[in-house]
C-alpha cells in the first residue's frame, strides 16, 4: 500500500484527476438506486408517463457519463503506474549491470532471477484495475451514508458487515504473506536448478546425475505444489466466503428492512434502494480484498528489490586522464571472500613499470583469477590500494580504466545478439574491416569466412554455441578492440590448439615490443617464464613472493 501511495504522490495532478473521476463515477452510481425508488414512489403511484420518461432518460445519461469517466479513469491510472514501473524495472536492470561484482555475489543466481521475475507481479499489483479498486474503497462509505439517510437501522447492519470483512481481510493477509515468501524461496531454487541443469547438460549425462537431480527436483516440486495448492485453496476459500457474506448481507438488509417497512419506518421503494446501495457499499470492500492479495505479494518483491538496490554500485564519476603510460603500484593488497576465514593473499606489494612483462603463477585456488579481477576493478581489495601512474585507481572513472586495459578472462562470456555487436562493445565506432583484421590476428579468419552470416552470425547461450577455443579467441578480439595500454591475460593459452596458442603468443610478443604493460596469469611452473620482468608467486601464502629482474624484450621471447 505504501508503494501505491508513493506512486500516487509522485503524480499530484493525475492523482487529483483520478480522485475527481472517482467522485463523479461513484456519485453517478447512486442513479440506479434513485431510479428504482423514484419509479416506485412517483410513477407507480401516479402513473404519469412523462415522469417515467424523464427518470429513464436522466438515468441513461448518468450511465453514459459513468462509462465515459470509467474509461478516462483507466487511462489516468495507467499514467500513474507506467512511469514508476518503468523506473523500477530500469533501476533493477541497472543494478544487475552496474553493481560491484563482489557485492552482487551476495545474491545467488536463482534469487537474482526471482527478483527480476517479481517485477511482473509488481506491475500487475499496481495495474489500473488494482489502483481503481483502492481509490473506490472510501466511496463505500458514500453508499453507506446514502443507506443511512434511507434508514439508520439498515445502515448499521451494512456497517457491521463492512467492518467484519475488513477484519477478515487483515487476518487473511498474514497467512498469505507467509505463503508468498515460501513460494518465492522455492521459485528461486527452481530457477537456479534449471539454469545449472541447462549449463551442465553433459555433466548430468556423463556422470549419471539424472536420478539425484530428479529426486531433488521432485522433492522441491512437491513442496512447491503443496504451497501453491494451499495458497489457491486459501484464495478460493476467501472468494467463496466473500460471496457468501455478500449473500448474507442481502438477506440481512431485506430482513431488517422488511421489519422497518412493517413498522412504517421505511417504504418498499426505500427498501429496494437500500438493498442496491448496500451491494454498492460492499462491492469496493470485496474488490479491495482481492487487490490486497496482489499488493501483499508485490510488497514482498519490493522488499527484495529494496535489499537488491542496497548493493554497492560501481561509481560513474571520477577523473579521465588524457594519457596513461602503463605504470601500476600494487600497495599492500589483501583479499579474502566473506565465506572464507583466511586471507586468499595478503600484503601484496609490487611496482610495475610501463612496458613491463609480469607473470603471476599459482596453483588452482591460489587467487590468480581473483587478483586479475582486482586489477580490472571488478573486485575491490579488503585492504591496500592500486595506483595507476601514481594516482589511486579509486579516483579514476571506471569506464575510463576499462578502456585502458586488454582483459582476457579465464572463462569469457558473451551476450545474445550478433558477433559484431559483441566485439564492438569497447569501441562502437570501429569499422568492420578493422574487426576482421583483429579476427585474423587471432587466427580466426577462416572461421569467419566459412560462416554465411559473417559478423552477423548469432551469439547465443552466453557464447556457448561456440567451441571453447573459438570463444576464448573471440574474447581476445573483443579486448583488443579497446587498444588499451595494459594487458591482463588470465590463462591465455588454456583451451587453445597449437595454431591458437601461436596466435596468442604472437600478440603478446607484439604487446611487449610496442611497450604495453602485460600481466600474464598461469598455473605453469615459474621456470617456464625466463623472460618475465617480474614474477609473482601466489603459492607463497599468505604473502605472495615478488621477484624482479631487468629484462630486455626480445622478438624471440615467447611465453610458454
Protein backbone atom coordinates (compact mmCIF):
# COMPACT_ATOMS: atom_id res chain seq x y z
CA UNK A 1 0.00 0.00 0.00
CA UNK A 2 2.89 2.36 0.80
CA UNK A 3 4.24 1.91 -2.73
CA UNK A 4 0.83 2.73 -4.22
CA UNK A 5 0.54 5.91 -2.16
CA UNK A 6 4.09 6.80 -3.21
CA UNK A 7 3.23 6.39 -6.89
CA UNK A 8 0.07 8.45 -6.48
CA UNK A 9 2.03 11.12 -4.63
CA UNK A 10 4.56 11.41 -7.46
CA UNK A 11 1.82 12.48 -9.86
CA UNK A 12 -0.23 15.04 -7.92
CA UNK A 13 -2.13 16.36 -10.93
CA UNK A 14 -3.01 12.92 -12.27
CA UNK A 15 -3.98 11.73 -8.79
CA UNK A 16 -6.30 14.73 -8.37
CA UNK A 17 -7.94 13.92 -11.71
CA UNK A 18 -8.23 10.25 -10.68
CA UNK A 19 -9.92 11.14 -7.41
CA UNK A 20 -12.20 13.62 -9.18
CA UNK A 21 -13.18 11.00 -11.77
CA UNK A 22 -13.83 8.51 -8.95
CA UNK A 23 -16.09 11.05 -7.23
CA UNK A 24 -18.14 11.53 -10.39
CA UNK A 25 -18.34 7.78 -11.05
CA UNK A 26 -19.47 6.92 -7.54
CA UNK A 27 -21.91 9.82 -7.27
CA UNK A 28 -23.42 8.83 -10.60
CA UNK A 29 -23.54 5.27 -9.25
CA UNK A 30 -26.33 6.43 -6.95
CA UNK A 31 -28.53 6.96 -10.01
CA UNK A 32 -29.72 3.33 -10.34
CA UNK A 33 -30.93 3.17 -6.74
CA UNK A 34 -32.54 6.58 -7.04
CA UNK A 35 -34.21 5.49 -10.28
CA UNK A 36 -35.79 2.42 -8.65
CA UNK A 37 -37.06 4.41 -5.68
CA UNK A 38 -38.45 7.26 -7.77
CA UNK A 39 -40.20 4.92 -10.22
CA UNK A 40 -41.90 3.09 -7.33
CA UNK A 41 -42.71 6.28 -5.49
CA UNK A 42 -43.75 8.64 -8.29
CA UNK A 43 -44.60 6.71 -11.44
CA UNK A 44 -46.33 3.68 -9.98
CA UNK A 45 -48.25 5.87 -7.53
CA UNK A 46 -49.43 8.39 -10.11
CA UNK A 47 -48.94 6.65 -13.48
CA UNK A 48 -47.62 9.73 -15.34
CA UNK A 49 -45.68 8.52 -18.41
CA UNK A 50 -43.73 11.74 -18.70
CA UNK A 51 -42.35 11.16 -15.23
CA UNK A 52 -41.15 7.67 -16.18
CA UNK A 53 -39.58 9.00 -19.37
CA UNK A 54 -37.80 11.82 -17.54
CA UNK A 55 -36.46 9.44 -14.88
CA UNK A 56 -35.32 6.91 -17.50
CA UNK A 57 -33.59 9.47 -19.71
CA UNK A 58 -31.87 11.01 -16.69
CA UNK A 59 -30.62 7.61 -15.52
CA UNK A 60 -29.42 6.68 -19.02
CA UNK A 61 -27.44 9.93 -19.18
CA UNK A 62 -25.91 9.10 -15.80
CA UNK A 63 -24.94 5.63 -17.09
CA UNK A 64 -23.37 7.17 -20.22
CA UNK A 65 -21.30 9.62 -18.20
CA UNK A 66 -20.28 6.83 -15.83
CA UNK A 67 -18.98 4.86 -18.82
CA UNK A 68 -17.04 7.88 -20.11
CA UNK A 69 -15.50 8.64 -16.72
CA UNK A 70 -14.56 5.00 -16.16
CA UNK A 71 -12.63 4.88 -19.44
CA UNK A 72 -10.96 8.16 -18.59
CA UNK A 73 -10.02 6.87 -15.15
CA UNK A 74 -8.35 3.77 -16.59
CA UNK A 75 -6.15 5.96 -18.80
CA UNK A 76 -5.27 8.18 -15.85
CA UNK A 77 -4.41 5.14 -13.73
CA UNK A 78 -2.06 3.92 -16.47
CA UNK A 79 -0.32 7.29 -16.34
CA UNK A 80 0.29 6.87 -12.62
CA UNK A 81 1.57 3.29 -12.84
CA UNK A 82 3.67 3.12 -16.00
CA UNK A 83 6.33 5.81 -15.29
CA UNK A 84 7.01 4.43 -11.79
CA UNK A 85 7.08 0.84 -13.09
CA UNK A 86 9.45 1.78 -15.92
CA UNK A 87 11.81 3.46 -13.47
CA UNK A 88 11.68 0.46 -11.13
CA UNK A 89 12.47 -2.00 -13.91
CA UNK A 90 15.22 0.22 -15.28
CA UNK A 91 16.76 0.54 -11.81
CA UNK A 92 16.60 -3.24 -11.29
CA UNK A 93 18.37 -3.96 -14.58
CA UNK A 94 20.85 -1.14 -13.95
CA UNK A 95 21.70 -2.80 -10.63
CA UNK A 96 22.42 -6.05 -12.47
CA UNK A 97 24.75 -4.26 -14.86
CA UNK A 98 26.36 -1.70 -12.53
CA UNK A 99 26.60 -3.41 -9.14
CA UNK A 100 30.06 -4.33 -7.98
CA UNK A 101 30.68 -7.95 -8.93
CA UNK A 102 31.81 -8.94 -5.47
CA UNK A 103 28.73 -7.42 -3.85
CA UNK A 104 26.41 -8.99 -6.42
CA UNK A 105 27.58 -12.41 -5.24
CA UNK A 106 25.52 -11.83 -2.06
CA UNK A 107 22.51 -12.91 -4.15
CA UNK A 108 22.74 -16.30 -5.85
CA UNK A 109 21.66 -16.68 -9.48
CA UNK A 110 18.25 -18.12 -8.58
CA UNK A 111 17.47 -15.22 -6.23
CA UNK A 112 18.53 -12.67 -8.85
CA UNK A 113 16.24 -14.31 -11.41
CA UNK A 114 13.39 -14.42 -8.90
CA UNK A 115 13.86 -10.72 -8.12
CA UNK A 116 13.68 -9.82 -11.81
CA UNK A 117 10.62 -12.04 -12.39
CA UNK A 118 8.99 -10.37 -9.36
CA UNK A 119 8.81 -7.15 -11.39
CA UNK A 120 5.91 -8.73 -13.29
CA UNK A 121 3.98 -9.31 -10.06
CA UNK A 122 4.62 -5.70 -9.05
CA UNK A 123 3.37 -4.46 -12.42
CA UNK A 124 0.17 -6.50 -12.09
CA UNK A 125 -0.36 -5.41 -8.48
CA UNK A 126 -0.32 -1.73 -9.47
CA UNK A 127 -2.24 -2.13 -12.71
CA UNK A 128 -5.08 0.36 -13.43
CA UNK A 129 -7.78 -2.01 -12.14
CA UNK A 130 -5.95 -2.51 -8.85
CA UNK A 131 -5.38 1.23 -8.41
CA UNK A 132 -9.04 1.88 -9.10
CA UNK A 133 -10.11 -0.72 -6.53
CA UNK A 134 -8.13 1.11 -3.86
CA UNK A 135 -9.49 4.50 -4.91
CA UNK A 136 -13.06 3.18 -4.78
CA UNK A 137 -12.72 1.93 -1.21
CA UNK A 138 -13.51 5.27 0.54
CA UNK A 139 -16.65 5.65 -1.58
CA UNK A 140 -18.08 2.54 0.06
CA UNK A 141 -18.90 4.91 2.92
CA UNK A 142 -20.67 7.24 0.47
CA UNK A 143 -23.13 4.46 -0.30
CA UNK A 144 -23.31 3.63 3.39
CA UNK A 145 -24.24 7.25 4.10
CA UNK A 146 -26.96 7.05 1.44
CA UNK A 147 -28.35 3.93 3.15
CA UNK A 148 -28.28 5.77 6.49
CA UNK A 149 -30.40 8.56 5.01
CA UNK A 150 -32.95 5.96 3.97
CA UNK A 151 -32.85 4.06 7.26
CA UNK A 152 -30.26 4.23 10.08
CA UNK A 153 -31.01 0.70 11.30
CA UNK A 154 -30.32 -0.85 7.91
CA UNK A 155 -27.13 1.24 7.55
CA UNK A 156 -25.91 -0.15 10.89
CA UNK A 157 -26.34 -3.69 9.52
CA UNK A 158 -24.33 -2.78 6.41
CA UNK A 159 -21.61 -1.14 8.52
CA UNK A 160 -21.23 -4.28 10.65
CA UNK A 161 -20.73 -6.42 7.54
CA UNK A 162 -18.17 -3.98 6.14
CA UNK A 163 -16.14 -3.95 9.36
CA UNK A 164 -16.33 -7.74 9.56
CA UNK A 165 -14.93 -8.18 6.03
CA UNK A 166 -12.11 -5.70 6.61
CA UNK A 167 -11.14 -7.57 9.77
CA UNK A 168 -11.30 -10.89 7.95
CA UNK A 169 -9.06 -9.48 5.22
CA UNK A 170 -6.49 -8.35 7.80
CA UNK A 171 -6.24 -11.86 9.25
CA UNK A 172 -6.04 -13.49 5.82
CA UNK A 173 -3.19 -11.28 4.66
CA UNK A 174 -0.90 -12.62 7.39
CA UNK A 175 -1.42 -16.20 6.17
CA UNK A 176 -0.99 -15.32 2.51
CA UNK A 177 2.15 -13.26 3.24
CA UNK A 178 3.94 -16.27 4.73
CA UNK A 179 2.86 -18.47 1.81
CA UNK A 180 4.16 -15.92 -0.71
CA UNK A 181 7.57 -15.83 0.98
CA UNK A 182 7.86 -19.61 0.97
CA UNK A 183 6.74 -19.79 -2.68
CA UNK A 184 9.31 -17.19 -3.71
CA UNK A 185 12.07 -19.08 -1.90
CA UNK A 186 11.16 -22.30 -3.71
CA UNK A 187 10.89 -20.43 -7.03
CA UNK A 188 14.44 -19.10 -6.66
CA UNK A 189 15.67 -22.68 -6.08
CA UNK A 190 13.81 -23.81 -9.21
CA UNK A 191 15.33 -21.02 -11.30
CA UNK A 192 18.83 -21.82 -10.07
CA UNK A 193 18.39 -25.55 -10.59
CA UNK A 194 17.03 -25.13 -14.13
CA UNK A 195 19.89 -22.80 -15.08
CA UNK A 196 22.51 -25.15 -13.65
CA UNK A 197 20.95 -28.19 -15.36
CA UNK A 198 20.93 -26.46 -18.74
CA UNK A 199 24.54 -25.29 -18.39
CA UNK A 200 25.69 -28.69 -17.13
CA UNK A 201 23.83 -30.85 -19.66
CA UNK A 202 26.84 -33.02 -20.48
CA UNK A 203 27.83 -33.47 -16.83
CA UNK A 204 24.31 -34.57 -15.95
CA UNK A 205 24.52 -37.35 -18.52
CA UNK A 206 28.14 -38.46 -18.35
CA UNK A 207 28.18 -38.67 -14.54
CA UNK A 208 24.73 -40.28 -14.23
CA UNK A 209 23.42 -37.39 -12.14
CA UNK A 210 19.89 -37.68 -13.55
CA UNK A 211 18.41 -39.66 -10.66
CA UNK A 212 19.99 -37.49 -7.99
CA UNK A 213 18.80 -34.28 -9.64
CA UNK A 214 15.37 -35.74 -10.38
CA UNK A 215 14.90 -36.74 -6.73
CA UNK A 216 15.83 -33.25 -5.63
CA UNK A 217 13.52 -31.76 -8.26
CA UNK A 218 10.61 -33.93 -7.15
CA UNK A 219 11.16 -33.01 -3.51
CA UNK A 220 11.15 -29.28 -4.27
CA UNK A 221 8.28 -29.77 -6.70
CA UNK A 222 6.16 -31.47 -4.05
CA UNK A 223 6.87 -28.64 -1.62
CA UNK A 224 6.03 -26.07 -4.29
CA UNK A 225 2.80 -27.84 -5.26
CA UNK A 226 1.72 -28.06 -1.63
CA UNK A 227 2.35 -24.37 -1.08
CA UNK A 228 0.59 -23.39 -4.31
CA UNK A 229 -2.37 -25.62 -3.59
CA UNK A 230 -2.67 -24.22 -0.08
CA UNK A 231 -2.45 -20.68 -1.41
CA UNK A 232 -5.00 -21.29 -4.17
CA UNK A 233 -7.26 -23.09 -1.68
CA UNK A 234 -6.98 -20.15 0.69
CA UNK A 235 -7.79 -17.69 -2.09
CA UNK A 236 -10.72 -19.81 -3.29
CA UNK A 237 -11.98 -20.13 0.27
CA UNK A 238 -11.65 -16.39 0.73
CA UNK A 239 -13.53 -15.71 -2.52
CA UNK A 240 -16.31 -18.15 -1.61
CA UNK A 241 -16.51 -16.64 1.87
CA UNK A 242 -16.84 -13.13 0.42
CA UNK A 243 -19.64 -14.26 -1.89
CA UNK A 244 -21.43 -15.95 1.00
CA UNK A 245 -21.09 -12.87 3.19
CA UNK A 246 -22.40 -10.74 0.31
CA UNK A 247 -25.45 -13.00 0.01
CA UNK A 248 -25.90 -12.92 3.75
CA UNK A 249 -25.77 -9.12 3.62
CA UNK A 250 -28.64 -9.08 1.10
CA UNK A 251 -30.71 -11.39 3.31
CA UNK A 252 -29.98 -9.27 6.38
CA UNK A 253 -30.82 -5.99 4.65
CA UNK A 254 -34.10 -7.39 3.30
CA UNK A 255 -34.96 -8.96 6.65
CA UNK A 256 -34.25 -5.87 8.76
CA UNK A 257 -35.70 -3.61 6.08
CA UNK A 258 -38.91 -5.62 5.95
CA UNK A 259 -39.33 -5.19 9.69
CA UNK A 260 -38.82 -1.44 9.23
CA UNK A 261 -41.40 -1.39 6.41
CA UNK A 262 -43.97 -3.18 8.55
CA UNK A 263 -43.27 -0.67 11.32
CA UNK A 264 -43.88 2.16 8.81
CA UNK A 265 -40.33 3.45 9.29
CA UNK A 266 -39.41 2.69 5.69
CA UNK A 267 -41.15 2.42 2.32
CA UNK A 268 -40.87 -0.55 -0.03
CA UNK A 269 -39.08 1.64 -2.59
CA UNK A 270 -36.58 2.72 0.04
CA UNK A 271 -36.03 -0.92 0.99
CA UNK A 272 -35.21 -1.87 -2.60
CA UNK A 273 -32.99 1.16 -2.99
CA UNK A 274 -31.23 0.42 0.29
CA UNK A 275 -30.53 -3.13 -0.90
CA UNK A 276 -28.98 -1.81 -4.12
CA UNK A 277 -26.90 0.74 -2.21
CA UNK A 278 -25.81 -1.91 0.32
CA UNK A 279 -24.43 -4.02 -2.55
CA UNK A 280 -22.66 -0.94 -3.90
CA UNK A 281 -21.15 -0.27 -0.48
CA UNK A 282 -19.98 -3.87 -0.09
CA UNK A 283 -18.54 -4.14 -3.61
CA UNK A 284 -15.49 -1.89 -3.01
CA UNK A 285 -14.72 -3.88 0.16
CA UNK A 286 -14.53 -7.22 -1.69
CA UNK A 287 -12.64 -5.55 -4.55
CA UNK A 288 -10.11 -4.14 -2.12
CA UNK A 289 -9.66 -7.57 -0.50
CA UNK A 290 -8.77 -9.14 -3.87
CA UNK A 291 -6.45 -6.23 -4.65
CA UNK A 292 -4.80 -6.50 -1.27
CA UNK A 293 -3.74 -10.09 -2.04
CA UNK A 294 -1.84 -8.84 -5.10
CA UNK A 295 -0.43 -5.87 -3.17
CA UNK A 296 0.80 -8.21 -0.47
CA UNK A 297 2.77 -10.33 -2.92
CA UNK A 298 4.10 -7.21 -4.62
CA UNK A 299 5.17 -5.91 -1.20
CA UNK A 300 7.33 -8.99 -0.70
CA UNK A 301 9.12 -8.46 -4.02
CA UNK A 302 9.50 -4.75 -3.29
CA UNK A 303 11.25 -5.77 -0.07
CA UNK A 304 13.62 -7.99 -2.04
CA UNK A 305 14.25 -5.18 -4.51
CA UNK A 306 14.99 -2.77 -1.66
CA UNK A 307 17.75 -5.09 -0.41
CA UNK A 308 18.90 -5.58 -4.01
CA UNK A 309 19.18 -1.82 -4.53
CA UNK A 310 21.37 -1.53 -1.42
CA UNK A 311 24.17 -3.41 -3.23
CA UNK A 312 27.17 -1.11 -3.68
CA UNK A 313 27.32 0.17 -7.24
CA UNK A 314 30.35 0.82 -9.40
CA UNK A 315 30.88 4.61 -9.32
CA UNK A 316 30.36 6.50 -12.55
CA UNK A 317 32.21 9.66 -11.57
CA UNK A 318 35.95 10.20 -11.38
CA UNK A 319 38.78 11.60 -13.43
CA UNK A 320 39.61 10.68 -17.01
CA UNK A 321 43.30 11.34 -17.68
CA UNK A 322 44.12 12.29 -21.23
CA UNK A 323 47.06 9.89 -21.27
CA UNK A 324 48.06 6.73 -19.39
CA UNK A 325 51.64 5.47 -19.56
CA UNK A 326 51.09 1.99 -18.12
CA UNK A 327 52.70 2.10 -14.66
CA UNK A 328 50.97 0.48 -11.67
CA UNK A 329 51.73 0.13 -8.00
CA UNK A 330 50.12 -2.66 -6.01
CA UNK A 331 50.38 -1.47 -2.43
CA UNK A 332 49.69 -3.96 0.41
CA UNK A 333 46.88 -5.68 -1.48
CA UNK A 334 44.95 -8.17 0.69
CA UNK A 335 41.79 -10.08 -0.15
CA UNK A 336 39.50 -12.74 1.24
CA UNK A 337 35.96 -13.79 0.41
CA UNK A 338 33.23 -13.35 3.01
CA UNK A 339 32.68 -17.09 3.18
CA UNK A 340 36.38 -17.77 3.89
CA UNK A 341 38.10 -17.33 7.24
CA UNK A 342 41.66 -16.96 5.88
CA UNK A 343 43.10 -14.38 3.54
CA UNK A 344 43.45 -15.59 -0.04
CA UNK A 345 46.59 -13.46 -0.24
CA UNK A 346 47.91 -10.66 1.95
CA UNK A 347 50.16 -7.59 1.74
CA UNK A 348 50.99 -7.98 -1.94
CA UNK A 349 53.22 -5.09 -2.96
CA UNK A 350 54.69 -4.71 -6.45
CA UNK A 351 55.79 -1.73 -8.54
CA UNK A 352 55.00 -2.27 -12.23
CA UNK A 353 56.85 -0.11 -14.74
CA UNK A 354 55.39 0.84 -18.14
CA UNK A 355 56.01 -1.91 -20.69
CA UNK A 356 56.89 -4.46 -18.02
CA UNK A 357 56.07 -8.15 -18.51
CA UNK A 358 54.72 -9.52 -15.21
CA UNK A 359 53.85 -13.17 -14.74
CA UNK A 360 51.61 -14.29 -11.88
CA UNK A 361 51.79 -18.02 -11.14
CA UNK A 362 49.93 -20.21 -8.69
CA UNK A 363 48.05 -23.44 -8.26
CA UNK A 364 44.31 -23.69 -8.75
CA UNK A 365 42.55 -21.80 -5.99
CA UNK A 366 45.58 -19.68 -5.14
CA UNK A 367 43.82 -16.47 -6.23
CA UNK A 368 45.06 -15.82 -9.77
CA UNK A 369 41.63 -15.02 -11.23
CA UNK A 370 40.74 -13.03 -8.12
CA UNK A 371 43.86 -10.88 -8.50
CA UNK A 372 43.12 -10.40 -12.20
CA UNK A 373 39.62 -9.18 -11.30
CA UNK A 374 41.08 -6.83 -8.70
CA UNK A 375 43.38 -5.34 -11.34
CA UNK A 376 40.37 -4.75 -13.60
CA UNK A 377 38.49 -3.24 -10.61
CA UNK A 378 35.77 -5.88 -10.82
CA UNK A 379 36.66 -6.69 -7.21
CA UNK A 380 37.94 -4.36 -4.52
CA UNK A 381 40.70 -5.49 -2.16
CA UNK A 382 39.87 -5.74 1.53
CA UNK A 383 42.99 -3.72 2.23
CA UNK A 384 45.53 -1.84 0.19
CA UNK A 385 45.32 0.24 -2.94
CA UNK A 386 46.23 0.26 -6.62
CA UNK A 387 47.97 3.32 -8.05
CA UNK A 388 47.99 3.93 -11.81
CA UNK A 389 50.58 6.48 -12.91
CA UNK A 390 50.83 7.46 -9.23
CA UNK A 391 47.09 8.11 -8.70
CA UNK A 392 44.76 5.88 -6.69
CA UNK A 393 42.58 3.87 -9.08
CA UNK A 394 39.53 4.75 -6.96
CA UNK A 395 39.86 8.36 -8.14
CA UNK A 396 39.51 7.44 -11.80
CA UNK A 397 36.32 6.82 -13.73
CA UNK A 398 35.93 3.05 -14.08
CA UNK A 399 34.72 3.28 -17.67
CA UNK A 400 37.97 5.11 -18.48
CA UNK A 401 40.03 2.41 -16.75
CA UNK A 402 38.27 -0.39 -18.65
CA UNK A 403 39.26 1.41 -21.86
CA UNK A 404 42.91 1.27 -20.77
CA UNK A 405 43.05 -2.50 -20.27
CA UNK A 406 43.01 -5.50 -22.57
CA UNK A 407 41.32 -8.11 -20.39
CA UNK A 408 41.07 -11.77 -21.31
CA UNK A 409 39.16 -13.65 -18.58
CA UNK A 410 39.67 -17.34 -17.97
CA UNK A 411 36.00 -18.10 -18.70
CA UNK A 412 34.74 -15.49 -21.18
CA UNK A 413 31.03 -14.96 -21.72
CA UNK A 414 29.10 -13.08 -24.38
CA UNK A 415 25.68 -11.52 -24.84
CA UNK A 416 22.89 -12.80 -27.04
CA UNK A 417 22.99 -10.93 -30.33
CA UNK A 418 25.31 -10.74 -33.32
CA UNK A 419 29.05 -11.36 -33.22
CA UNK A 420 29.62 -7.79 -34.43
CA UNK A 421 27.65 -6.28 -31.53
CA UNK A 422 29.60 -8.37 -29.03
CA UNK A 423 33.02 -7.45 -30.40
CA UNK A 424 32.32 -3.69 -30.65
CA UNK A 425 31.33 -3.01 -27.03
CA UNK A 426 34.61 -1.23 -26.15
CA UNK A 427 34.65 0.71 -29.43
CA UNK A 428 31.18 1.02 -31.03
CA UNK A 429 32.51 3.03 -33.99
CA UNK A 430 35.15 0.53 -35.11
CA UNK A 431 34.83 -0.42 -38.78
CA UNK A 432 34.10 -3.98 -39.93
CA UNK A 433 37.41 -4.13 -41.81
CA UNK A 434 39.32 -3.39 -38.60
CA UNK A 435 37.33 -6.08 -36.78
CA UNK A 436 38.21 -8.59 -39.46
CA UNK A 437 41.90 -7.69 -39.18
CA UNK A 438 41.80 -8.38 -35.43
CA UNK A 439 39.95 -11.64 -36.05
CA UNK A 440 42.66 -12.66 -38.49
CA UNK A 441 45.29 -11.76 -35.89
CA UNK A 442 43.89 -14.46 -33.53
CA UNK A 443 43.83 -16.92 -36.46
CA UNK A 444 40.03 -16.96 -36.89
CA UNK A 445 39.81 -15.52 -40.41
CA UNK A 446 38.89 -18.95 -41.79
CA UNK A 447 36.25 -19.40 -39.12
CA UNK A 448 34.66 -16.08 -40.10
CA UNK A 449 34.94 -16.64 -43.86
CA UNK A 450 33.28 -20.05 -43.69
CA UNK A 451 30.20 -18.61 -41.98
CA UNK A 452 27.33 -17.45 -44.21
CA UNK A 453 26.44 -14.67 -41.78
CA UNK A 454 29.99 -13.44 -41.17
CA UNK A 455 29.97 -10.78 -38.45
CA UNK A 456 26.17 -11.10 -38.32
CA UNK A 457 26.37 -14.68 -37.02
CA UNK A 458 24.23 -15.24 -33.93
CA UNK A 459 25.74 -15.49 -30.45
CA UNK A 460 23.51 -17.43 -28.05
CA UNK A 461 23.66 -19.04 -24.63
CA UNK A 462 26.38 -16.66 -23.39
CA UNK A 463 28.57 -17.70 -26.33
CA UNK A 464 28.42 -21.40 -25.55
CA UNK A 465 27.28 -22.05 -29.13
CA UNK A 466 30.99 -21.65 -29.97
CA UNK A 467 33.75 -24.10 -29.04
CA UNK A 468 35.85 -23.07 -26.04
CA UNK A 469 38.93 -22.30 -28.14
CA UNK A 470 36.88 -20.17 -30.55
CA UNK A 471 35.16 -18.41 -27.67
CA UNK A 472 38.44 -17.53 -25.95
CA UNK A 473 39.99 -16.13 -29.12
CA UNK A 474 36.86 -14.10 -29.88
CA UNK A 475 37.08 -12.75 -26.34
CA UNK A 476 40.65 -11.71 -27.12
CA UNK A 477 39.40 -9.82 -30.19
CA UNK A 478 36.78 -8.06 -28.05
CA UNK A 479 39.54 -6.97 -25.65
CA UNK A 480 41.88 -5.86 -28.45
CA UNK A 481 39.22 -3.54 -29.86
CA UNK A 482 39.87 -1.14 -26.97
CA UNK A 483 43.63 -0.99 -27.72
CA UNK A 484 44.45 -0.45 -24.03
CA UNK A 485 47.88 0.18 -22.55
CA UNK A 486 47.71 -2.73 -20.06
CA UNK A 487 47.01 -6.36 -20.95
CA UNK A 488 45.59 -8.60 -18.20
CA UNK A 489 45.55 -12.15 -19.54
CA UNK A 490 44.17 -14.94 -17.36
CA UNK A 491 45.45 -18.32 -18.64
CA UNK A 492 45.51 -17.02 -22.26
CA UNK A 493 46.57 -20.33 -23.85
CA UNK A 494 44.11 -22.54 -21.95
CA UNK A 495 41.78 -24.50 -24.22
CA UNK A 496 43.57 -23.45 -27.43
CA UNK A 497 45.06 -25.64 -30.13
CA UNK A 498 48.62 -25.10 -31.41
CA UNK A 499 47.53 -22.53 -34.00
CA UNK A 500 45.53 -20.63 -31.39
CA UNK A 501 48.39 -20.67 -28.89
CA UNK A 502 50.84 -19.42 -31.52
CA UNK A 503 48.45 -16.59 -32.43
CA UNK A 504 48.05 -15.57 -28.79
CA UNK A 505 51.80 -15.72 -28.09
CA UNK A 506 52.43 -13.65 -31.20
CA UNK A 507 50.04 -10.98 -29.94
CA UNK A 508 51.71 -10.98 -26.51
CA UNK A 509 55.07 -10.53 -28.23
CA UNK A 510 53.61 -7.53 -30.11
CA UNK A 511 52.41 -6.12 -26.79
CA UNK A 512 55.92 -6.30 -25.38
CA UNK A 513 57.56 -4.81 -28.46
CA UNK A 514 55.05 -1.94 -28.54
CA UNK A 515 55.61 -1.10 -24.87
CA UNK A 516 52.33 -2.33 -23.42
CA UNK A 517 52.31 -3.42 -19.79
CA UNK A 518 51.46 -7.13 -19.64
CA UNK A 519 50.11 -9.24 -16.75
CA UNK A 520 50.06 -12.94 -17.60
CA UNK A 521 48.38 -15.34 -15.16
CA UNK A 522 49.33 -19.01 -15.37
CA UNK A 523 49.28 -22.23 -13.37
CA UNK A 524 52.50 -23.36 -15.05
CA UNK A 525 55.81 -23.52 -13.12
CA UNK A 526 57.75 -20.24 -12.79
CA UNK A 527 60.71 -21.77 -14.65
CA UNK A 528 58.71 -21.66 -17.89
CA UNK A 529 58.81 -17.85 -17.91
CA UNK A 530 62.52 -16.93 -18.09
CA UNK A 531 61.77 -13.66 -19.89
CA UNK A 532 59.45 -12.27 -17.23
CA UNK A 533 60.46 -8.86 -15.85
CA UNK A 534 58.63 -9.69 -12.64
CA UNK A 535 57.37 -12.94 -11.19
CA UNK A 536 54.62 -13.00 -8.54
CA UNK A 537 54.13 -16.42 -6.94
CA UNK A 538 50.74 -16.80 -5.24
CA UNK A 539 51.73 -20.23 -3.93
CA UNK A 540 53.68 -18.34 -1.30
CA UNK A 541 50.95 -17.93 1.31
CA UNK A 542 49.66 -15.68 2.69
CA UNK A 543 52.15 -13.09 1.40
CA UNK A 544 52.98 -13.75 -2.29
CA UNK A 545 56.65 -13.68 -3.26
CA UNK A 546 57.67 -10.99 -5.72
CA UNK A 547 60.86 -11.32 -7.77
CA UNK A 548 62.07 -8.72 -10.27
CA UNK A 549 64.82 -8.58 -12.84
CA UNK A 550 65.85 -6.28 -15.60
CA UNK A 551 64.85 -7.80 -18.93
CA UNK A 552 65.08 -6.52 -22.46
CA UNK A 553 62.12 -7.59 -24.61
CA UNK A 554 63.25 -9.87 -27.41
CA UNK A 555 61.48 -10.82 -30.59
CA UNK A 556 62.45 -14.41 -29.88
CA UNK A 557 60.90 -14.30 -26.40
CA UNK A 558 57.81 -16.41 -26.36
CA UNK A 559 55.65 -17.12 -23.27
CA UNK A 560 55.22 -20.84 -22.85
